[in-house]
C-alpha cells in the first residue's frame, strides 16, 4: 500500500486542507483494491473535520469525524440534502458522522498492515 499526501489550499483559511490517497503499485492488486481517500480540513467555524471516502464498485461510504457535538449536528442536518444527490451516481450511499478526536489525530498515523503477509525485520 502506498500513501500519497497532498496539501490543498483552501480560500480564506489559515491552514491548508490535507489529502491522503491510498493506492497500490501492483496493477493486479490495484484491480482488487478498494479506492480510499482521507481528507483533513481545519476550518474556521467547524474546526477540524476528517472525512474518509471508500468506493467499492458503485457503493460509496463517507465517514466524517469532527471535534464537537454541535458540528456533528450540523453535518447530520445536511446529510439529508446530500445523500439523494449522491444516490443518483452510486448504487449504495452510506454517510456517517462521529465526534472522534482520536480518528482526527490518527490522520497522520500510517495505516496498519495487520493481517498482511508482509514481514518486518526487527534485528538491530
PDB file of N, CA and C in Angstrom:
ATOM      1  N   UNK A   1       0.854  -1.177   0.000  1.00  0.00           N
ATOM      2  CA  UNK A   1       0.000   0.000   0.000  1.00  0.00           C
ATOM      3  C   UNK A   1       0.898   1.238   0.000  1.00  0.00           C
ATOM      4  N   UNK A   2       0.618   2.135  -0.898  1.00  0.00           N
ATOM      5  CA  UNK A   2       1.328   3.410  -0.969  1.00  0.00           C
ATOM      6  C   UNK A   2       0.377   4.510  -0.505  1.00  0.00           C
ATOM      7  N   UNK A   3       0.928   5.526   0.119  1.00  0.00           N
ATOM      8  CA  UNK A   3       0.122   6.657   0.561  1.00  0.00           C
ATOM      9  C   UNK A   3       0.708   7.917  -0.053  1.00  0.00           C
ATOM     10  N   UNK A   4      -0.151   8.696  -0.698  1.00  0.00           N
ATOM     11  CA  UNK A   4       0.254   9.937  -1.349  1.00  0.00           C
ATOM     12  C   UNK A   4      -0.392  11.089  -0.584  1.00  0.00           C
ATOM     13  N   UNK A   5       0.418  12.021  -0.078  1.00  0.00           N
ATOM     14  CA  UNK A   5      -0.082  13.166   0.693  1.00  0.00           C
ATOM     15  C   UNK A   5      -0.097  14.411  -0.182  1.00  0.00           C
ATOM     16  N   UNK A   6      -1.162  15.198  -0.072  1.00  0.00           N
ATOM     17  CA  UNK A   6      -1.289  16.440  -0.839  1.00  0.00           C
ATOM     18  C   UNK A   6      -1.777  17.537   0.096  1.00  0.00           C
ATOM     19  N   UNK A   7      -1.146  18.707   0.038  1.00  0.00           N
ATOM     20  CA  UNK A   7      -1.632  19.874   0.761  1.00  0.00           C
ATOM     21  C   UNK A   7      -2.532  20.654  -0.197  1.00  0.00           C
ATOM     22  N   UNK A   8      -3.754  20.961   0.228  1.00  0.00           N
ATOM     23  CA  UNK A   8      -4.726  21.648  -0.618  1.00  0.00           C
ATOM     24  C   UNK A   8      -4.970  23.058  -0.105  1.00  0.00           C
ATOM     25  N   UNK A   9      -4.726  24.080  -0.935  1.00  0.00           N
ATOM     26  CA  UNK A   9      -5.044  25.436  -0.483  1.00  0.00           C
ATOM     27  C   UNK A   9      -6.558  25.602  -0.368  1.00  0.00           C
ATOM     28  N   UNK A  10      -6.992  26.233   0.705  1.00  0.00           N
ATOM     29  CA  UNK A  10      -8.410  26.484   0.929  1.00  0.00           C
ATOM     30  C   UNK A  10      -8.582  27.997   1.077  1.00  0.00           C
ATOM     31  N   UNK A  11      -9.437  28.570   0.254  1.00  0.00           N
ATOM     32  CA  UNK A  11      -9.653  30.018   0.298  1.00  0.00           C
ATOM     33  C   UNK A  11     -10.095  30.477   1.682  1.00  0.00           C
ATOM     34  N   UNK A  12      -9.547  31.581   2.113  1.00  0.00           N
ATOM     35  CA  UNK A  12      -9.925  32.229   3.371  1.00  0.00           C
ATOM     36  C   UNK A  12      -9.687  31.361   4.600  1.00  0.00           C
ATOM     37  N   UNK A  13      -8.786  30.393   4.522  1.00  0.00           N
ATOM     38  CA  UNK A  13      -8.453  29.557   5.663  1.00  0.00           C
ATOM     39  C   UNK A  13      -6.960  29.668   5.943  1.00  0.00           C
ATOM     40  N   UNK A  14      -6.599  29.683   7.214  1.00  0.00           N
ATOM     41  CA  UNK A  14      -5.189  29.780   7.597  1.00  0.00           C
ATOM     42  C   UNK A  14      -4.440  28.489   7.279  1.00  0.00           C
ATOM     43  N   UNK A  15      -5.076  27.357   7.525  1.00  0.00           N
ATOM     44  CA  UNK A  15      -4.435  26.054   7.316  1.00  0.00           C
ATOM     45  C   UNK A  15      -4.919  25.434   6.009  1.00  0.00           C
ATOM     46  N   UNK A  16      -4.010  24.844   5.242  1.00  0.00           N
ATOM     47  CA  UNK A  16      -4.454  24.151   4.024  1.00  0.00           C
ATOM     48  C   UNK A  16      -5.151  22.837   4.377  1.00  0.00           C
ATOM     49  N   UNK A  17      -5.952  22.337   3.464  1.00  0.00           N
ATOM     50  CA  UNK A  17      -6.520  21.017   3.624  1.00  0.00           C
ATOM     51  C   UNK A  17      -5.428  19.992   3.370  1.00  0.00           C
ATOM     52  N   UNK A  18      -5.589  18.818   3.931  1.00  0.00           N
ATOM     53  CA  UNK A  18      -4.602  17.764   3.730  1.00  0.00           C
ATOM     54  C   UNK A  18      -5.317  16.534   3.203  1.00  0.00           C
ATOM     55  N   UNK A  19      -4.834  16.007   2.110  1.00  0.00           N
ATOM     56  CA  UNK A  19      -5.456  14.893   1.414  1.00  0.00           C
ATOM     57  C   UNK A  19      -4.509  13.705   1.424  1.00  0.00           C
ATOM     58  N   UNK A  20      -5.048  12.515   1.687  1.00  0.00           N
ATOM     59  CA  UNK A  20      -4.284  11.271   1.622  1.00  0.00           C
ATOM     60  C   UNK A  20      -4.962  10.354   0.619  1.00  0.00           C
ATOM     61  N   UNK A  21      -4.205   9.878  -0.344  1.00  0.00           N
ATOM     62  CA  UNK A  21      -4.699   8.907  -1.311  1.00  0.00           C
ATOM     63  C   UNK A  21      -3.995   7.592  -1.039  1.00  0.00           C
ATOM     64  N   UNK A  22      -4.747   6.528  -0.916  1.00  0.00           N
ATOM     65  CA  UNK A  22      -4.185   5.208  -0.669  1.00  0.00           C
ATOM     66  C   UNK A  22      -4.251   4.420  -1.969  1.00  0.00           C
ATOM     67  N   UNK A  23      -3.123   3.868  -2.389  1.00  0.00           N
ATOM     68  CA  UNK A  23      -3.114   3.095  -3.625  1.00  0.00           C
ATOM     69  C   UNK A  23      -2.005   2.058  -3.579  1.00  0.00           C
ATOM     70  N   UNK A  24      -2.062   1.139  -4.516  1.00  0.00           N
ATOM     71  CA  UNK A  24      -1.054   0.097  -4.605  1.00  0.00           C
ATOM     72  C   UNK A  24      -0.285   0.246  -5.911  1.00  0.00           C
ATOM     73  N   UNK A  25       0.979  -0.153  -5.904  1.00  0.00           N
ATOM     74  CA  UNK A  25       1.798  -0.061  -7.112  1.00  0.00           C
ATOM     75  C   UNK A  25       1.510  -1.204  -8.084  1.00  0.00           C
ATOM     76  N   UNK A  26       1.106  -2.336  -7.561  1.00  0.00           N
ATOM     77  CA  UNK A  26       0.885  -3.528  -8.377  1.00  0.00           C
ATOM     78  C   UNK A  26      -0.407  -3.401  -9.182  1.00  0.00           C
ATOM     79  N   UNK A  27      -0.344  -3.543 -10.519  1.00  0.00           N
ATOM     80  CA  UNK A  27      -1.582  -3.461 -11.322  1.00  0.00           C
ATOM     81  C   UNK A  27      -2.621  -4.493 -10.917  1.00  0.00           C
ATOM     82  N   UNK A  28      -2.180  -5.724 -10.609  1.00  0.00           N
ATOM     83  CA  UNK A  28      -3.126  -6.765 -10.202  1.00  0.00           C
ATOM     84  C   UNK A  28      -3.797  -6.386  -8.883  1.00  0.00           C
ATOM     85  N   UNK A  29      -2.995  -5.956  -7.913  1.00  0.00           N
ATOM     86  CA  UNK A  29      -3.547  -5.556  -6.618  1.00  0.00           C
ATOM     87  C   UNK A  29      -4.445  -4.336  -6.767  1.00  0.00           C
ATOM     88  N   UNK A  30      -4.110  -3.441  -7.675  1.00  0.00           N
ATOM     89  CA  UNK A  30      -4.924  -2.241  -7.890  1.00  0.00           C
ATOM     90  C   UNK A  30      -6.324  -2.601  -8.369  1.00  0.00           C
ATOM     91  N   UNK A  31      -6.436  -3.642  -9.199  1.00  0.00           N
ATOM     92  CA  UNK A  31      -7.762  -4.068  -9.675  1.00  0.00           C
ATOM     93  C   UNK A  31      -8.616  -4.611  -8.535  1.00  0.00           C
ATOM     94  N   UNK A  32      -7.961  -5.191  -7.523  1.00  0.00           N
ATOM     95  CA  UNK A  32      -8.686  -5.800  -6.406  1.00  0.00           C
ATOM     96  C   UNK A  32      -8.820  -4.868  -5.208  1.00  0.00           C
ATOM     97  N   UNK A  33      -8.111  -3.749  -5.211  1.00  0.00           N
ATOM     98  CA  UNK A  33      -8.089  -2.844  -4.058  1.00  0.00           C
ATOM     99  C   UNK A  33      -9.355  -1.993  -3.990  1.00  0.00           C
ATOM    100  N   UNK A  34      -9.662  -1.559  -2.798  1.00  0.00           N
ATOM    101  CA  UNK A  34     -10.761  -0.640  -2.575  1.00  0.00           C
ATOM    102  C   UNK A  34     -10.203   0.777  -2.588  1.00  0.00           C
ATOM    103  N   UNK A  35     -10.622   1.619  -3.537  1.00  0.00           N
ATOM    104  CA  UNK A  35     -10.119   3.005  -3.562  1.00  0.00           C
ATOM    105  C   UNK A  35     -10.504   3.734  -2.275  1.00  0.00           C
ATOM    106  N   UNK A  36      -9.506   4.376  -1.660  1.00  0.00           N
ATOM    107  CA  UNK A  36      -9.749   5.090  -0.407  1.00  0.00           C
ATOM    108  C   UNK A  36      -9.066   6.450  -0.445  1.00  0.00           C
ATOM    109  N   UNK A  37      -9.749   7.414   0.121  1.00  0.00           N
ATOM    110  CA  UNK A  37      -9.222   8.771   0.218  1.00  0.00           C
ATOM    111  C   UNK A  37      -9.602   9.309   1.598  1.00  0.00           C
ATOM    112  N   UNK A  38      -8.667   9.992   2.246  1.00  0.00           N
ATOM    113  CA  UNK A  38      -8.953  10.687   3.506  1.00  0.00           C
ATOM    114  C   UNK A  38      -8.629  12.160   3.322  1.00  0.00           C
ATOM    115  N   UNK A  39      -9.455  13.009   3.902  1.00  0.00           N
ATOM    116  CA  UNK A  39      -9.271  14.445   3.790  1.00  0.00           C
ATOM    117  C   UNK A  39      -9.404  15.057   5.180  1.00  0.00           C
ATOM    118  N   UNK A  40      -8.423  15.902   5.541  1.00  0.00           N
ATOM    119  CA  UNK A  40      -8.486  16.610   6.814  1.00  0.00           C
ATOM    120  C   UNK A  40      -8.498  18.101   6.542  1.00  0.00           C
ATOM    121  N   UNK A  41      -9.542  18.764   7.024  1.00  0.00           N
ATOM    122  CA  UNK A  41      -9.666  20.215   6.896  1.00  0.00           C
ATOM    123  C   UNK A  41      -9.708  20.823   8.292  1.00  0.00           C
ATOM    124  N   UNK A  42      -9.076  21.969   8.447  1.00  0.00           N
ATOM    125  CA  UNK A  42      -9.161  22.738   9.688  1.00  0.00           C
ATOM    126  C   UNK A  42      -9.851  24.043   9.333  1.00  0.00           C
ATOM    127  N   UNK A  43     -11.155  24.096   9.622  1.00  0.00           N
ATOM    128  CA  UNK A  43     -11.991  25.200   9.182  1.00  0.00           C
ATOM    129  C   UNK A  43     -12.272  26.170  10.327  1.00  0.00           C
ATOM    130  N   UNK A  44     -12.410  27.425   9.970  1.00  0.00           N
ATOM    131  CA  UNK A  44     -12.577  28.473  10.965  1.00  0.00           C
ATOM    132  C   UNK A  44     -13.813  28.247  11.841  1.00  0.00           C
ATOM    133  N   UNK A  45     -14.944  27.918  11.248  1.00  0.00           N
ATOM    134  CA  UNK A  45     -16.185  27.791  12.010  1.00  0.00           C
ATOM    135  C   UNK A  45     -16.498  26.369  12.451  1.00  0.00           C
ATOM    136  N   UNK A  46     -16.075  25.379  11.679  1.00  0.00           N
ATOM    137  CA  UNK A  46     -16.384  23.989  12.004  1.00  0.00           C
ATOM    138  C   UNK A  46     -15.254  23.286  12.744  1.00  0.00           C
ATOM    139  N   UNK A  47     -14.073  23.873  12.745  1.00  0.00           N
ATOM    140  CA  UNK A  47     -12.934  23.225  13.392  1.00  0.00           C
ATOM    141  C   UNK A  47     -12.344  22.150  12.493  1.00  0.00           C
ATOM    142  N   UNK A  48     -11.747  21.151  13.120  1.00  0.00           N
ATOM    143  CA  UNK A  48     -11.122  20.065  12.348  1.00  0.00           C
ATOM    144  C   UNK A  48     -12.192  19.079  11.882  1.00  0.00           C
ATOM    145  N   UNK A  49     -12.154  18.749  10.610  1.00  0.00           N
ATOM    146  CA  UNK A  49     -13.095  17.798  10.023  1.00  0.00           C
ATOM    147  C   UNK A  49     -12.293  16.808   9.189  1.00  0.00           C
ATOM    148  N   UNK A  50     -12.371  15.533   9.559  1.00  0.00           N
ATOM    149  CA  UNK A  50     -11.750  14.479   8.764  1.00  0.00           C
ATOM    150  C   UNK A  50     -12.857  13.743   8.034  1.00  0.00           C
ATOM    151  N   UNK A  51     -12.616  13.440   6.775  1.00  0.00           N
ATOM    152  CA  UNK A  51     -13.574  12.633   6.023  1.00  0.00           C
ATOM    153  C   UNK A  51     -12.827  11.507   5.344  1.00  0.00           C
ATOM    154  N   UNK A  52     -13.378  10.314   5.438  1.00  0.00           N
ATOM    155  CA  UNK A  52     -12.820   9.120   4.807  1.00  0.00           C
ATOM    156  C   UNK A  52     -13.816   8.629   3.765  1.00  0.00           C
ATOM    157  N   UNK A  53     -13.331   8.452   2.541  1.00  0.00           N
ATOM    158  CA  UNK A  53     -14.160   8.011   1.424  1.00  0.00           C
ATOM    159  C   UNK A  53     -13.716   6.617   0.995  1.00  0.00           C
ATOM    160  N   UNK A  54     -14.652   5.689   0.900  1.00  0.00           N
ATOM    161  CA  UNK A  54     -14.382   4.338   0.423  1.00  0.00           C
ATOM    162  C   UNK A  54     -15.309   4.056  -0.754  1.00  0.00           C
ATOM    163  N   UNK A  55     -14.743   3.528  -1.820  1.00  0.00           N
ATOM    164  CA  UNK A  55     -15.529   3.214  -3.010  1.00  0.00           C
ATOM    165  C   UNK A  55     -15.299   1.762  -3.370  1.00  0.00           C
ATOM    166  N   UNK A  56     -16.367   0.990  -3.393  1.00  0.00           N
ATOM    167  CA  UNK A  56     -16.303  -0.418  -3.766  1.00  0.00           C
ATOM    168  C   UNK A  56     -17.339  -0.644  -4.857  1.00  0.00           C
ATOM    169  N   UNK A  57     -16.874  -0.781  -6.085  1.00  0.00           N
ATOM    170  CA  UNK A  57     -17.789  -0.857  -7.214  1.00  0.00           C
ATOM    171  C   UNK A  57     -18.544   0.448  -7.314  1.00  0.00           C
ATOM    172  N   UNK A  58     -19.872   0.361  -7.207  1.00  0.00           N
ATOM    173  CA  UNK A  58     -20.690   1.578  -7.235  1.00  0.00           C
ATOM    174  C   UNK A  58     -21.299   1.871  -5.864  1.00  0.00           C
ATOM    175  N   UNK A  59     -20.624   1.375  -4.816  1.00  0.00           N
ATOM    176  CA  UNK A  59     -21.059   1.627  -3.448  1.00  0.00           C
ATOM    177  C   UNK A  59     -20.106   2.624  -2.803  1.00  0.00           C
ATOM    178  N   UNK A  60     -20.640   3.713  -2.282  1.00  0.00           N
ATOM    179  CA  UNK A  60     -19.844   4.773  -1.678  1.00  0.00           C
ATOM    180  C   UNK A  60     -20.146   4.863  -0.190  1.00  0.00           C
ATOM    181  N   UNK A  61     -19.066   4.955   0.591  1.00  0.00           N
ATOM    182  CA  UNK A  61     -19.190   5.162   2.026  1.00  0.00           C
ATOM    183  C   UNK A  61     -18.348   6.380   2.398  1.00  0.00           C
ATOM    184  N   UNK A  62     -18.974   7.330   3.090  1.00  0.00           N
ATOM    185  CA  UNK A  62     -18.265   8.529   3.535  1.00  0.00           C
ATOM    186  C   UNK A  62     -18.471   8.656   5.038  1.00  0.00           C
ATOM    187  N   UNK A  63     -17.352   8.695   5.769  1.00  0.00           N
ATOM    188  CA  UNK A  63     -17.394   8.869   7.221  1.00  0.00           C
ATOM    189  C   UNK A  63     -16.751  10.206   7.567  1.00  0.00           C
ATOM    190  N   UNK A  64     -17.457  11.000   8.345  1.00  0.00           N
ATOM    191  CA  UNK A  64     -16.939  12.282   8.812  1.00  0.00           C
ATOM    192  C   UNK A  64     -16.617  12.159  10.288  1.00  0.00           C
ATOM    193  N   UNK A  65     -15.508  12.750  10.685  1.00  0.00           N
ATOM    194  CA  UNK A  65     -15.106  12.793  12.090  1.00  0.00           C
ATOM    195  C   UNK A  65     -14.892  14.255  12.458  1.00  0.00           C
ATOM    196  N   UNK A  66     -15.544  14.689  13.530  1.00  0.00           N
ATOM    197  CA  UNK A  66     -15.497  16.090  13.941  1.00  0.00           C
ATOM    198  C   UNK A  66     -15.123  16.168  15.421  1.00  0.00           C
ATOM    199  N   UNK A  67     -14.772  17.376  15.871  1.00  0.00           N
ATOM    200  CA  UNK A  67     -14.332  17.575  17.254  1.00  0.00           C
ATOM    201  C   UNK A  67     -15.461  17.915  18.234  1.00  0.00           C
ATOM    202  N   UNK A  68     -16.590  18.422  17.743  1.00  0.00           N
ATOM    203  CA  UNK A  68     -17.622  18.950  18.646  1.00  0.00           C
ATOM    204  C   UNK A  68     -19.010  18.412  18.285  1.00  0.00           C
ATOM    205  N   UNK A  69     -19.864  18.274  19.313  1.00  0.00           N
ATOM    206  CA  UNK A  69     -21.236  17.791  19.108  1.00  0.00           C
ATOM    207  C   UNK A  69     -22.054  18.718  18.216  1.00  0.00           C
ATOM    208  N   UNK A  70     -21.885  20.033  18.351  1.00  0.00           N
ATOM    209  CA  UNK A  70     -22.683  20.953  17.537  1.00  0.00           C
ATOM    210  C   UNK A  70     -22.292  20.858  16.052  1.00  0.00           C
ATOM    211  N   UNK A  71     -21.041  20.513  15.768  1.00  0.00           N
ATOM    212  CA  UNK A  71     -20.614  20.317  14.378  1.00  0.00           C
ATOM    213  C   UNK A  71     -21.215  19.015  13.845  1.00  0.00           C
ATOM    214  N   UNK A  72     -21.263  17.999  14.690  1.00  0.00           N
ATOM    215  CA  UNK A  72     -21.901  16.734  14.299  1.00  0.00           C
ATOM    216  C   UNK A  72     -23.364  16.987  13.935  1.00  0.00           C
ATOM    217  N   UNK A  73     -24.068  17.768  14.745  1.00  0.00           N
ATOM    218  CA  UNK A  73     -25.477  18.090  14.471  1.00  0.00           C
ATOM    219  C   UNK A  73     -25.625  18.829  13.143  1.00  0.00           C
ATOM    220  N   UNK A  74     -24.708  19.745  12.875  1.00  0.00           N
ATOM    221  CA  UNK A  74     -24.709  20.482  11.607  1.00  0.00           C
ATOM    222  C   UNK A  74     -24.595  19.510  10.428  1.00  0.00           C
ATOM    223  N   UNK A  75     -23.647  18.573  10.503  1.00  0.00           N
ATOM    224  CA  UNK A  75     -23.464  17.590   9.435  1.00  0.00           C
ATOM    225  C   UNK A  75     -24.697  16.701   9.293  1.00  0.00           C
ATOM    226  N   UNK A  76     -25.257  16.254  10.396  1.00  0.00           N
ATOM    227  CA  UNK A  76     -26.431  15.378  10.340  1.00  0.00           C
ATOM    228  C   UNK A  76     -27.599  16.071   9.638  1.00  0.00           C
ATOM    229  N   UNK A  77     -27.774  17.356   9.888  1.00  0.00           N
ATOM    230  CA  UNK A  77     -28.859  18.101   9.221  1.00  0.00           C
ATOM    231  C   UNK A  77     -28.615  18.182   7.715  1.00  0.00           C
ATOM    232  N   UNK A  78     -27.370  18.325   7.293  1.00  0.00           N
ATOM    233  CA  UNK A  78     -27.043  18.489   5.870  1.00  0.00           C
ATOM    234  C   UNK A  78     -27.003  17.162   5.101  1.00  0.00           C
ATOM    235  N   UNK A  79     -26.806  16.054   5.791  1.00  0.00           N
ATOM    236  CA  UNK A  79     -26.706  14.759   5.109  1.00  0.00           C
ATOM    237  C   UNK A  79     -27.977  14.413   4.346  1.00  0.00           C
ATOM    238  N   UNK A  80     -29.119  14.829   4.866  1.00  0.00           N
ATOM    239  CA  UNK A  80     -30.383  14.568   4.187  1.00  0.00           C
ATOM    240  C   UNK A  80     -30.467  15.257   2.832  1.00  0.00           C
ATOM    241  N   UNK A  81     -29.757  16.365   2.672  1.00  0.00           N
ATOM    242  CA  UNK A  81     -29.738  17.079   1.396  1.00  0.00           C
ATOM    243  C   UNK A  81     -28.730  16.465   0.420  1.00  0.00           C
ATOM    244  N   UNK A  82     -27.623  15.989   0.964  1.00  0.00           N
ATOM    245  CA  UNK A  82     -26.518  15.497   0.136  1.00  0.00           C
ATOM    246  C   UNK A  82     -26.751  14.069  -0.358  1.00  0.00           C
ATOM    247  N   UNK A  83     -27.311  13.229   0.483  1.00  0.00           N
ATOM    248  CA  UNK A  83     -27.456  11.806   0.139  1.00  0.00           C
ATOM    249  C   UNK A  83     -28.250  11.570  -1.153  1.00  0.00           C
ATOM    250  N   UNK A  84     -29.395  12.218  -1.371  1.00  0.00           N
ATOM    251  CA  UNK A  84     -30.134  11.985  -2.620  1.00  0.00           C
ATOM    252  C   UNK A  84     -29.331  12.385  -3.865  1.00  0.00           C
ATOM    253  N   UNK A  85     -28.520  13.402  -3.752  1.00  0.00           N
ATOM    254  CA  UNK A  85     -27.687  13.816  -4.891  1.00  0.00           C
ATOM    255  C   UNK A  85     -26.671  12.727  -5.222  1.00  0.00           C
ATOM    256  N   UNK A  86     -26.032  12.176  -4.184  1.00  0.00           N
ATOM    257  CA  UNK A  86     -25.038  11.118  -4.397  1.00  0.00           C
ATOM    258  C   UNK A  86     -25.684   9.820  -4.893  1.00  0.00           C
ATOM    259  N   UNK A  87     -26.909   9.544  -4.450  1.00  0.00           N
ATOM    260  CA  UNK A  87     -27.594   8.310  -4.852  1.00  0.00           C
ATOM    261  C   UNK A  87     -27.874   8.274  -6.358  1.00  0.00           C
ATOM    262  N   UNK A  88     -27.854   9.407  -7.009  1.00  0.00           N
ATOM    263  CA  UNK A  88     -28.020   9.432  -8.462  1.00  0.00           C
ATOM    264  C   UNK A  88     -26.788   8.866  -9.165  1.00  0.00           C
ATOM    265  N   UNK A  89     -25.647   8.860  -8.473  1.00  0.00           N
ATOM    266  CA  UNK A  89     -24.389   8.408  -9.077  1.00  0.00           C
ATOM    267  C   UNK A  89     -23.928   7.041  -8.576  1.00  0.00           C
ATOM    268  N   UNK A  90     -24.427   6.595  -7.424  1.00  0.00           N
ATOM    269  CA  UNK A  90     -23.955   5.355  -6.808  1.00  0.00           C
ATOM    270  C   UNK A  90     -25.131   4.453  -6.475  1.00  0.00           C
ATOM    271  N   UNK A  91     -24.884   3.127  -6.457  1.00  0.00           N
ATOM    272  CA  UNK A  91     -25.933   2.174  -6.098  1.00  0.00           C
ATOM    273  C   UNK A  91     -26.293   2.277  -4.618  1.00  0.00           C
ATOM    274  N   UNK A  92     -25.270   2.386  -3.783  1.00  0.00           N
ATOM    275  CA  UNK A  92     -25.469   2.480  -2.344  1.00  0.00           C
ATOM    276  C   UNK A  92     -24.648   3.647  -1.816  1.00  0.00           C
ATOM    277  N   UNK A  93     -25.246   4.451  -0.952  1.00  0.00           N
ATOM    278  CA  UNK A  93     -24.544   5.575  -0.333  1.00  0.00           C
ATOM    279  C   UNK A  93     -24.728   5.465   1.176  1.00  0.00           C
ATOM    280  N   UNK A  94     -23.606   5.433   1.886  1.00  0.00           N
ATOM    281  CA  UNK A  94     -23.636   5.412   3.346  1.00  0.00           C
ATOM    282  C   UNK A  94     -22.877   6.630   3.853  1.00  0.00           C
ATOM    283  N   UNK A  95     -23.561   7.450   4.647  1.00  0.00           N
ATOM    284  CA  UNK A  95     -22.955   8.635   5.233  1.00  0.00           C
ATOM    285  C   UNK A  95     -23.048   8.533   6.751  1.00  0.00           C
ATOM    286  N   UNK A  96     -21.953   8.883   7.426  1.00  0.00           N
ATOM    287  CA  UNK A  96     -21.985   8.881   8.886  1.00  0.00           C
ATOM    288  C   UNK A  96     -21.128  10.020   9.410  1.00  0.00           C
ATOM    289  N   UNK A  97     -21.449  10.452  10.624  1.00  0.00           N
ATOM    290  CA  UNK A  97     -20.639  11.479  11.285  1.00  0.00           C
ATOM    291  C   UNK A  97     -20.496  11.086  12.749  1.00  0.00           C
ATOM    292  N   UNK A  98     -19.272  11.243  13.262  1.00  0.00           N
ATOM    293  CA  UNK A  98     -18.945  10.849  14.629  1.00  0.00           C
ATOM    294  C   UNK A  98     -18.051  11.907  15.256  1.00  0.00           C
ATOM    295  N   UNK A  99     -18.251  12.186  16.519  1.00  0.00           N
ATOM    296  CA  UNK A  99     -17.306  13.022  17.252  1.00  0.00           C
ATOM    297  C   UNK A  99     -16.167  12.110  17.682  1.00  0.00           C
ATOM    298  N   UNK A 100     -14.965  12.365  17.171  1.00  0.00           N
ATOM    299  CA  UNK A 100     -13.824  11.496  17.488  1.00  0.00           C
ATOM    300  C   UNK A 100     -12.509  12.239  17.321  1.00  0.00           C
ATOM    301  N   UNK A 101     -11.977  12.700  18.450  1.00  0.00           N
ATOM    302  CA  UNK A 101     -10.658  13.334  18.426  1.00  0.00           C
ATOM    303  C   UNK A 101      -9.602  12.316  18.015  1.00  0.00           C
ATOM    304  N   UNK A 102      -9.801  11.070  18.443  1.00  0.00           N
ATOM    305  CA  UNK A 102      -8.835  10.002  18.158  1.00  0.00           C
ATOM    306  C   UNK A 102      -8.697   9.771  16.653  1.00  0.00           C
ATOM    307  N   UNK A 103      -9.799   9.687  15.931  1.00  0.00           N
ATOM    308  CA  UNK A 103      -9.745   9.470  14.476  1.00  0.00           C
ATOM    309  C   UNK A 103      -9.106  10.657  13.767  1.00  0.00           C
ATOM    310  N   UNK A 104      -9.403  11.854  14.216  1.00  0.00           N
ATOM    311  CA  UNK A 104      -8.814  13.039  13.593  1.00  0.00           C
ATOM    312  C   UNK A 104      -7.311  13.061  13.832  1.00  0.00           C
ATOM    313  N   UNK A 105      -6.905  12.797  15.064  1.00  0.00           N
ATOM    314  CA  UNK A 105      -5.479  12.788  15.381  1.00  0.00           C
ATOM    315  C   UNK A 105      -4.739  11.663  14.662  1.00  0.00           C
ATOM    316  N   UNK A 106      -5.431  10.589  14.350  1.00  0.00           N
ATOM    317  CA  UNK A 106      -4.812   9.443  13.677  1.00  0.00           C
ATOM    318  C   UNK A 106      -4.590   9.692  12.184  1.00  0.00           C
ATOM    319  N   UNK A 107      -5.002  10.833  11.679  1.00  0.00           N
ATOM    320  CA  UNK A 107      -4.825  11.137  10.257  1.00  0.00           C
ATOM    321  C   UNK A 107      -3.364  11.009   9.846  1.00  0.00           C
ATOM    322  N   UNK A 108      -2.451  11.406  10.727  1.00  0.00           N
ATOM    323  CA  UNK A 108      -1.027  11.378  10.406  1.00  0.00           C
ATOM    324  C   UNK A 108      -0.356  10.044  10.718  1.00  0.00           C
ATOM    325  N   UNK A 109      -1.105   9.104  11.273  1.00  0.00           N
ATOM    326  CA  UNK A 109      -0.540   7.806  11.613  1.00  0.00           C
ATOM    327  C   UNK A 109      -0.664   6.882  10.406  1.00  0.00           C
ATOM    328  N   UNK A 110       0.436   6.217  10.025  1.00  0.00           N
ATOM    329  CA  UNK A 110       0.364   5.301   8.876  1.00  0.00           C
ATOM    330  C   UNK A 110      -0.624   4.166   9.133  1.00  0.00           C
ATOM    331  N   UNK A 111      -1.164   3.641   8.045  1.00  0.00           N
ATOM    332  CA  UNK A 111      -2.079   2.511   8.144  1.00  0.00           C
ATOM    333  C   UNK A 111      -1.373   1.303   8.699  1.00  0.00           C
ATOM    334  N   UNK A 112      -2.083   0.528   9.477  1.00  0.00           N
ATOM    335  CA  UNK A 112      -1.548  -0.724   9.986  1.00  0.00           C
ATOM    336  C   UNK A 112      -1.574  -1.767   8.876  1.00  0.00           C
ATOM    337  N   UNK A 113      -0.605  -2.644   8.887  1.00  0.00           N
ATOM    338  CA  UNK A 113      -0.581  -3.728   7.898  1.00  0.00           C
ATOM    339  C   UNK A 113      -0.942  -5.057   8.549  1.00  0.00           C
ATOM    340  N   UNK A 114      -1.652  -5.021   9.690  1.00  0.00           N
ATOM    341  CA  UNK A 114      -2.055  -6.262  10.344  1.00  0.00           C
ATOM    342  C   UNK A 114      -2.841  -7.124   9.372  1.00  0.00           C
ATOM    343  N   UNK A 115      -2.573  -8.411   9.429  1.00  0.00           N
ATOM    344  CA  UNK A 115      -3.289  -9.331   8.570  1.00  0.00           C
ATOM    345  C   UNK A 115      -2.668  -9.478   7.193  1.00  0.00           C
ATOM    346  N   UNK A 116      -1.618  -8.748   6.904  1.00  0.00           N
ATOM    347  CA  UNK A 116      -0.981  -8.887   5.604  1.00  0.00           C
ATOM    348  C   UNK A 116       0.117  -9.925   5.698  1.00  0.00           C
ATOM    349  N   UNK A 117       0.669 -10.286   4.560  1.00  0.00           N
ATOM    350  CA  UNK A 117       1.733 -11.269   4.548  1.00  0.00           C
ATOM    351  C   UNK A 117       3.113 -10.611   4.559  1.00  0.00           C
ATOM    352  N   UNK A 118       3.174  -9.315   4.886  1.00  0.00           N
ATOM    353  CA  UNK A 118       4.440  -8.606   4.956  1.00  0.00           C
ATOM    354  C   UNK A 118       5.188  -9.007   6.221  1.00  0.00           C
ATOM    355  N   UNK A 119       6.495  -9.067   6.135  1.00  0.00           N
ATOM    356  CA  UNK A 119       7.319  -9.362   7.291  1.00  0.00           C
ATOM    357  C   UNK A 119       8.148  -8.135   7.616  1.00  0.00           C
ATOM    358  N   UNK A 120       8.346  -7.913   8.895  1.00  0.00           N
ATOM    359  CA  UNK A 120       9.144  -6.787   9.350  1.00  0.00           C
ATOM    360  C   UNK A 120      10.375  -7.333  10.039  1.00  0.00           C
ATOM    361  N   UNK A 121      11.566  -6.849   9.632  1.00  0.00           N
ATOM    362  CA  UNK A 121      12.809  -7.286  10.219  1.00  0.00           C
ATOM    363  C   UNK A 121      13.119  -6.357  11.395  1.00  0.00           C
ATOM    364  N   UNK A 122      13.116  -6.890  12.612  1.00  0.00           N
ATOM    365  CA  UNK A 122      13.350  -6.086  13.797  1.00  0.00           C
ATOM    366  C   UNK A 122      14.765  -6.217  14.325  1.00  0.00           C
ATOM    367  N   UNK A 123      15.643  -6.864  13.588  1.00  0.00           N
ATOM    368  CA  UNK A 123      17.032  -7.005  14.042  1.00  0.00           C
ATOM    369  C   UNK A 123      17.723  -5.647  14.038  1.00  0.00           C
ATOM    370  N   UNK A 124      18.573  -5.424  15.038  1.00  0.00           N
ATOM    371  CA  UNK A 124      19.313  -4.167  15.119  1.00  0.00           C
ATOM    372  C   UNK A 124      20.789  -4.428  14.894  1.00  0.00           C
TER     373      UNK A 124
END
